[in-house]
C-alpha cells in the first residue's frame, strides 16, 4: 500500500497544494523548519568516518557554483527573472532522496551521500554571496545583504549537520530513535511539497499583471537545465567509471529548498523554475528506473 501511495504522491501533493493554495500558502512559514528536519534525518544516516572526497566532486561543485552565476549574467540582459531561475536550477544542492535513486540504479551511494553533504556546505556559503550580487536588497550594502541572507540560509543547510553530529555522540538514544523512523523524511517531504506548491500557485493567481511569457520561459529553462545536468553529470561520472552517481548528484535537486529560496530572496515568480524542475527530474528518474528494471532480466540479475 505504501509503495502504491509513494508512486503517486508527487502529483497528489502538487494537486492538493494547488487546489488548497489559499489555505496552504498560510503555512509557508513552516518550510524552513521542514527543510531543517529533512536534512537532519539525512545527516543522521551519514557515517562521517566513511566519507570520501572524490575528484568528480570537484567538477560537479564547479559546475554548480561557477556555472550558476555565469549563466545568470549570460541571460540577465534578456530577462532578469529567467536569469534568476536559471541560476537557481544550477545552484540548489542535490536532493536528499538522490542517494535512494542512486542505489536503485546501481550507483555508488557513498559517493552520492558525501556529495550531498559537500554541496550543501558549498551552497550555504555561495548562496548569500550570489543573492547579494543580484541586489534584491537594494537598501543594504553588499556585506549587509550577504550577512542578512547568511543568517537565514546557514541554520537551514549547516545547522542540521552539527545537530546530527551532536546527537550521534552525545545523545545516541535520540539518534537511534530518529533512525528508527525511516518513513518520517518521506512524510516531511510530502508536506513541504504541498506547502511550496500552494504558495507558488497562490502567488501566480494573485498577480496584478500576469507575465505568461516569463512564466513559460522559466519552465523551458528548467527543462533544458534539468536534462543538461543529468547528461553532463553522467559524462563526468563516465570518465571516473561511475556515470550513474555523478548524473544523480548533479541532476537531482532539492527543489523544495529552491522554491523556498526563490520565494524568500529572489523575485517570487522565479519559484516556477524549481517547481517545473520537480516534474522534469521525476520524469527522468522514472524513465531511468523503468529502463533499469527492463535491462535487469537481460543481464541475468
Protein backbone atom coordinates (compact mmCIF):
# COMPACT_ATOMS: atom_id res chain seq x y z
CA UNK A 1 0.00 0.00 0.00
CA UNK A 2 2.83 2.38 0.92
CA UNK A 3 4.52 1.69 -2.43
CA UNK A 4 1.23 2.45 -4.23
CA UNK A 5 1.00 5.80 -2.42
CA UNK A 6 4.69 6.64 -2.98
CA UNK A 7 4.41 6.00 -6.72
CA UNK A 8 1.60 8.58 -6.98
CA UNK A 9 2.42 11.01 -4.19
CA UNK A 10 4.18 13.61 -6.38
CA UNK A 11 1.08 14.56 -8.43
CA UNK A 12 -1.20 14.12 -5.41
CA UNK A 13 0.88 16.50 -3.25
CA UNK A 14 1.17 19.11 -6.01
CA UNK A 15 -2.52 18.94 -6.94
CA UNK A 16 -3.50 19.18 -3.27
CA UNK A 17 -1.27 22.22 -2.80
CA UNK A 18 -2.68 23.86 -5.94
CA UNK A 19 -6.34 23.24 -5.06
CA UNK A 20 -5.95 24.40 -1.46
CA UNK A 21 -3.48 27.21 -2.19
CA UNK A 22 -5.38 29.89 -0.26
CA UNK A 23 -5.13 27.89 2.98
CA UNK A 24 -1.85 26.03 2.38
CA UNK A 25 0.03 29.23 1.47
CA UNK A 26 -0.53 30.42 5.04
CA UNK A 27 1.72 27.57 6.17
CA UNK A 28 4.69 28.83 4.14
CA UNK A 29 6.39 29.88 7.40
CA UNK A 30 6.88 26.15 8.16
CA UNK A 31 9.04 25.46 5.08
CA UNK A 32 12.43 26.30 6.71
CA UNK A 33 11.60 24.01 9.65
CA UNK A 34 10.59 21.17 7.32
CA UNK A 35 13.81 21.60 5.33
CA UNK A 36 15.85 21.57 8.54
CA UNK A 37 14.15 18.38 9.71
CA UNK A 38 14.65 16.60 6.37
CA UNK A 39 18.36 17.47 6.28
CA UNK A 40 18.77 16.45 9.92
CA UNK A 41 17.33 13.00 9.19
CA UNK A 42 19.62 12.69 6.16
CA UNK A 43 22.76 13.69 8.07
CA UNK A 44 21.85 11.32 10.92
CA UNK A 45 22.21 8.45 8.46
CA UNK A 46 25.71 9.52 7.38
CA UNK A 47 28.70 7.70 8.83
CA UNK A 48 31.21 10.54 8.81
CA UNK A 49 34.23 8.25 9.10
CA UNK A 50 33.24 6.66 5.78
CA UNK A 51 33.01 9.96 3.89
CA UNK A 52 35.44 10.21 0.98
CA UNK A 53 36.16 13.22 -1.24
CA UNK A 54 36.28 12.11 -4.89
CA UNK A 55 37.86 14.04 -7.82
CA UNK A 56 34.47 14.03 -9.57
CA UNK A 57 33.06 16.04 -6.68
CA UNK A 58 35.33 18.95 -7.67
CA UNK A 59 33.93 19.11 -11.21
CA UNK A 60 30.34 18.79 -10.05
CA UNK A 61 30.77 21.58 -7.49
CA UNK A 62 32.49 23.76 -10.08
CA UNK A 63 29.53 23.39 -12.45
CA UNK A 64 27.08 24.23 -9.69
CA UNK A 65 28.91 27.22 -8.27
CA UNK A 66 30.61 28.78 -11.28
CA UNK A 67 28.01 27.68 -13.81
CA UNK A 68 25.08 29.13 -11.87
CA UNK A 69 26.43 32.66 -11.53
CA UNK A 70 27.90 32.59 -15.04
CA UNK A 71 24.56 31.56 -16.55
CA UNK A 72 22.80 34.29 -14.58
CA UNK A 73 24.93 37.05 -16.11
CA UNK A 74 24.61 35.44 -19.56
CA UNK A 75 20.79 35.55 -19.51
CA UNK A 76 20.45 38.78 -17.48
CA UNK A 77 20.37 41.16 -20.49
CA UNK A 78 17.39 39.27 -21.94
CA UNK A 79 15.23 38.65 -18.83
CA UNK A 80 16.32 39.17 -15.18
CA UNK A 81 13.66 36.82 -13.76
CA UNK A 82 14.54 33.96 -16.12
CA UNK A 83 18.21 34.61 -15.31
CA UNK A 84 17.43 34.13 -11.61
CA UNK A 85 15.50 30.95 -12.36
CA UNK A 86 18.38 29.55 -14.42
CA UNK A 87 20.88 30.36 -11.67
CA UNK A 88 18.69 28.64 -9.10
CA UNK A 89 18.29 25.46 -11.18
CA UNK A 90 22.06 25.07 -11.22
CA UNK A 91 22.86 26.31 -7.72
CA UNK A 92 20.45 24.40 -5.48
CA UNK A 93 22.08 21.37 -3.82
CA UNK A 94 21.46 17.71 -4.50
CA UNK A 95 18.22 16.23 -3.19
CA UNK A 96 18.46 14.17 -0.01
CA UNK A 97 16.48 11.43 -1.79
CA UNK A 98 19.09 11.18 -4.57
CA UNK A 99 21.02 8.51 -2.63
CA UNK A 100 17.95 6.23 -2.72
CA UNK A 101 17.54 6.58 -6.51
CA UNK A 102 21.30 6.11 -6.98
CA UNK A 103 21.18 2.84 -5.04
CA UNK A 104 18.19 1.61 -7.07
CA UNK A 105 20.08 2.38 -10.29
CA UNK A 106 23.19 0.51 -9.10
CA UNK A 107 25.31 3.59 -8.39
CA UNK A 108 27.68 4.39 -5.53
CA UNK A 109 25.54 5.52 -2.60
CA UNK A 110 28.60 6.54 -0.57
CA UNK A 111 29.77 8.88 -3.35
CA UNK A 112 26.31 10.47 -3.55
CA UNK A 113 25.87 10.79 0.21
CA UNK A 114 29.24 12.54 0.52
CA UNK A 115 28.32 14.93 -2.28
CA UNK A 116 25.01 15.82 -0.62
CA UNK A 117 26.99 16.94 2.41
CA UNK A 118 29.71 18.79 0.45
CA UNK A 119 27.36 20.65 -1.88
CA UNK A 120 25.06 21.73 0.97
CA UNK A 121 28.06 23.32 2.69
CA UNK A 122 29.19 24.95 -0.57
CA UNK A 123 25.72 26.32 -1.39
CA UNK A 124 25.31 27.65 2.16
CA UNK A 125 28.44 29.76 1.56
CA UNK A 126 27.76 30.72 -2.07
CA UNK A 127 24.02 31.48 -1.98
CA UNK A 128 24.23 34.56 0.30
CA UNK A 129 27.00 36.00 -1.90
CA UNK A 130 25.15 35.33 -5.15
CA UNK A 131 21.80 36.63 -3.93
CA UNK A 132 23.53 39.77 -2.66
CA UNK A 133 25.23 40.30 -6.03
CA UNK A 134 21.81 40.19 -7.67
CA UNK A 135 20.88 43.12 -5.46
CA UNK A 136 17.42 42.11 -4.23
CA UNK A 137 18.01 44.14 -1.05
CA UNK A 138 18.94 47.49 -2.58
CA UNK A 139 18.61 49.33 0.73
CA UNK A 140 21.51 47.27 2.14
CA UNK A 141 25.18 47.24 1.23
CA UNK A 142 26.64 44.07 -0.29
CA UNK A 143 28.12 42.91 3.03
CA UNK A 144 24.93 43.70 4.96
CA UNK A 145 22.85 41.83 2.40
CA UNK A 146 25.19 38.82 2.40
CA UNK A 147 25.17 38.69 6.20
CA UNK A 148 21.37 39.02 6.33
CA UNK A 149 20.87 36.11 3.93
CA UNK A 150 23.67 34.08 5.51
CA UNK A 151 21.94 34.24 8.92
CA UNK A 152 18.86 32.61 7.40
CA UNK A 153 20.46 30.11 4.99
CA UNK A 154 23.16 28.74 7.30
CA UNK A 155 20.77 27.49 10.00
CA UNK A 156 18.82 25.52 7.40
CA UNK A 157 21.72 23.98 5.45
CA UNK A 158 24.51 23.71 8.03
CA UNK A 159 22.88 23.52 11.48
CA UNK A 160 21.34 20.08 10.78
CA UNK A 161 24.86 18.74 10.27
CA UNK A 162 26.07 19.92 13.68
CA UNK A 163 22.88 18.74 15.37
CA UNK A 164 23.26 15.30 13.74
CA UNK A 165 26.87 15.05 14.98
CA UNK A 166 25.83 16.13 18.48
CA UNK A 167 23.03 13.58 18.60
CA UNK A 168 25.30 10.78 17.36
CA UNK A 169 27.96 11.31 20.05
CA UNK A 170 26.10 12.88 22.99
CA UNK A 171 22.51 11.68 22.64
CA UNK A 172 22.80 8.26 20.95
CA UNK A 173 19.34 7.15 22.10
CA UNK A 174 17.69 10.11 20.35
CA UNK A 175 19.88 9.49 17.30
CA UNK A 176 18.83 5.84 17.23
CA UNK A 177 15.17 6.79 17.67
CA UNK A 178 15.31 9.10 14.63
CA UNK A 179 16.92 6.36 12.54
CA UNK A 180 14.11 4.06 13.69
CA UNK A 181 11.54 6.20 11.82
CA UNK A 182 12.76 5.82 8.21
CA UNK A 183 9.42 6.94 6.74
CA UNK A 184 9.43 10.26 8.60
CA UNK A 185 11.56 12.02 5.96
CA UNK A 186 9.12 10.88 3.27
CA UNK A 187 6.12 12.40 5.07
CA UNK A 188 8.02 15.63 5.75
CA UNK A 189 8.88 15.84 2.04
CA UNK A 190 5.23 15.36 1.05
CA UNK A 191 4.15 18.08 3.48
CA UNK A 192 6.81 20.52 2.27
CA UNK A 193 5.99 19.83 -1.38
CA UNK A 194 2.32 20.55 -0.74
CA UNK A 195 3.11 23.81 1.06
CA UNK A 196 5.57 25.21 -1.51
CA UNK A 197 3.27 24.27 -4.39
CA UNK A 198 0.37 26.05 -2.71
CA UNK A 199 2.50 29.13 -2.07
CA UNK A 200 3.71 29.26 -5.69
CA UNK A 201 0.20 28.82 -7.13
CA UNK A 202 -1.22 31.41 -4.74
CA UNK A 203 1.35 33.98 -5.88
CA UNK A 204 0.73 33.24 -9.56
CA UNK A 205 -3.04 33.56 -9.22
CA UNK A 206 -2.87 36.81 -7.26
CA UNK A 207 -0.50 38.62 -9.64
CA UNK A 208 -1.76 42.02 -10.74
CA UNK A 209 -0.23 41.69 -14.22
CA UNK A 210 0.50 38.05 -15.13
CA UNK A 211 3.62 37.63 -17.24
CA UNK A 212 2.93 34.43 -19.16
CA UNK A 213 5.97 34.90 -21.40
CA UNK A 214 8.33 34.89 -18.42
CA UNK A 215 6.49 32.01 -16.77
CA UNK A 216 6.79 29.92 -19.94
CA UNK A 217 10.46 30.87 -20.22
CA UNK A 218 11.09 29.69 -16.65
CA UNK A 219 9.52 26.31 -17.38
CA UNK A 220 11.52 25.91 -20.59
CA UNK A 221 14.84 26.90 -18.99
CA UNK A 222 14.23 24.49 -16.10
CA UNK A 223 13.59 21.65 -18.59
CA UNK A 224 16.76 22.43 -20.58
CA UNK A 225 18.93 22.70 -17.45
CA UNK A 226 17.47 19.55 -15.91
CA UNK A 227 18.31 17.49 -18.99
CA UNK A 228 21.75 19.08 -19.36
CA UNK A 229 22.73 18.48 -15.74
CA UNK A 230 21.83 14.79 -15.90
CA UNK A 231 23.76 14.46 -19.19
CA UNK A 232 26.84 16.44 -18.09
CA UNK A 233 26.88 14.68 -14.71
CA UNK A 234 26.86 11.29 -16.41
CA UNK A 235 29.65 12.39 -18.78
CA UNK A 236 31.83 13.41 -15.83
CA UNK A 237 31.00 10.19 -14.00
CA UNK A 238 31.75 8.09 -17.07
CA UNK A 239 35.31 9.43 -17.06
CA UNK A 240 35.69 8.16 -13.47
CA UNK A 241 33.82 4.90 -14.08
CA UNK A 242 30.51 5.74 -12.38
CA UNK A 243 28.12 7.73 -14.61
CA UNK A 244 25.01 6.94 -12.53
CA UNK A 245 26.21 8.51 -9.27
CA UNK A 246 27.52 11.72 -10.86
CA UNK A 247 24.41 12.05 -13.02
CA UNK A 248 22.14 11.91 -9.97
CA UNK A 249 24.45 14.16 -7.95
CA UNK A 250 24.26 16.97 -10.50
CA UNK A 251 20.78 16.38 -11.90
CA UNK A 252 18.56 15.52 -8.94
CA UNK A 253 17.95 18.72 -6.97
CA UNK A 254 16.48 19.73 -3.63
CA UNK A 255 13.73 21.63 -5.44
CA UNK A 256 11.77 22.37 -2.28
CA UNK A 257 14.77 24.32 -1.00
CA UNK A 258 14.98 26.04 -4.39
CA UNK A 259 11.33 27.15 -4.24
CA UNK A 260 11.80 28.46 -0.70
CA UNK A 261 14.93 30.40 -1.75
CA UNK A 262 13.07 31.90 -4.70
CA UNK A 263 10.10 32.96 -2.58
CA UNK A 264 12.34 34.38 0.15
CA UNK A 265 15.31 36.03 -1.59
CA UNK A 266 14.54 36.37 -5.32
CA UNK A 267 11.66 37.52 -7.50
CA UNK A 268 8.72 35.30 -6.35
CA UNK A 269 7.98 34.30 -9.95
CA UNK A 270 11.39 32.62 -10.02
CA UNK A 271 9.87 29.79 -7.96
CA UNK A 272 8.28 28.47 -11.18
CA UNK A 273 11.72 27.26 -12.35
CA UNK A 274 12.40 24.85 -9.44
CA UNK A 275 8.69 23.93 -9.40
CA UNK A 276 8.96 22.87 -13.04
CA UNK A 277 12.25 21.13 -12.27
CA UNK A 278 10.35 18.84 -9.88
CA UNK A 279 8.35 17.45 -12.80
CA UNK A 280 11.27 17.14 -15.22
CA UNK A 281 13.62 15.36 -12.79
CA UNK A 282 10.91 12.92 -11.73
CA UNK A 283 10.14 12.11 -15.36
CA UNK A 284 13.85 11.44 -15.96
CA UNK A 285 14.17 9.36 -12.78
CA UNK A 286 11.05 7.34 -13.65
CA UNK A 287 12.46 6.59 -17.10
CA UNK A 288 15.83 5.60 -15.64
CA UNK A 289 14.23 3.25 -13.13
CA UNK A 290 11.98 1.74 -15.81
CA UNK A 291 14.95 1.23 -18.13
CA UNK A 292 16.99 -0.28 -15.28
CA UNK A 293 14.23 -2.78 -14.42
CA UNK A 294 13.85 -3.66 -18.10
CA UNK A 295 17.57 -4.34 -18.56
CA UNK A 296 17.99 -6.47 -15.41
CA UNK A 297 16.48 -9.66 -16.86
CA UNK A 298 18.76 -9.31 -19.91
CA UNK A 299 21.79 -9.16 -17.62
CA UNK A 300 20.63 -12.22 -15.74
CA UNK A 301 20.11 -10.35 -12.45
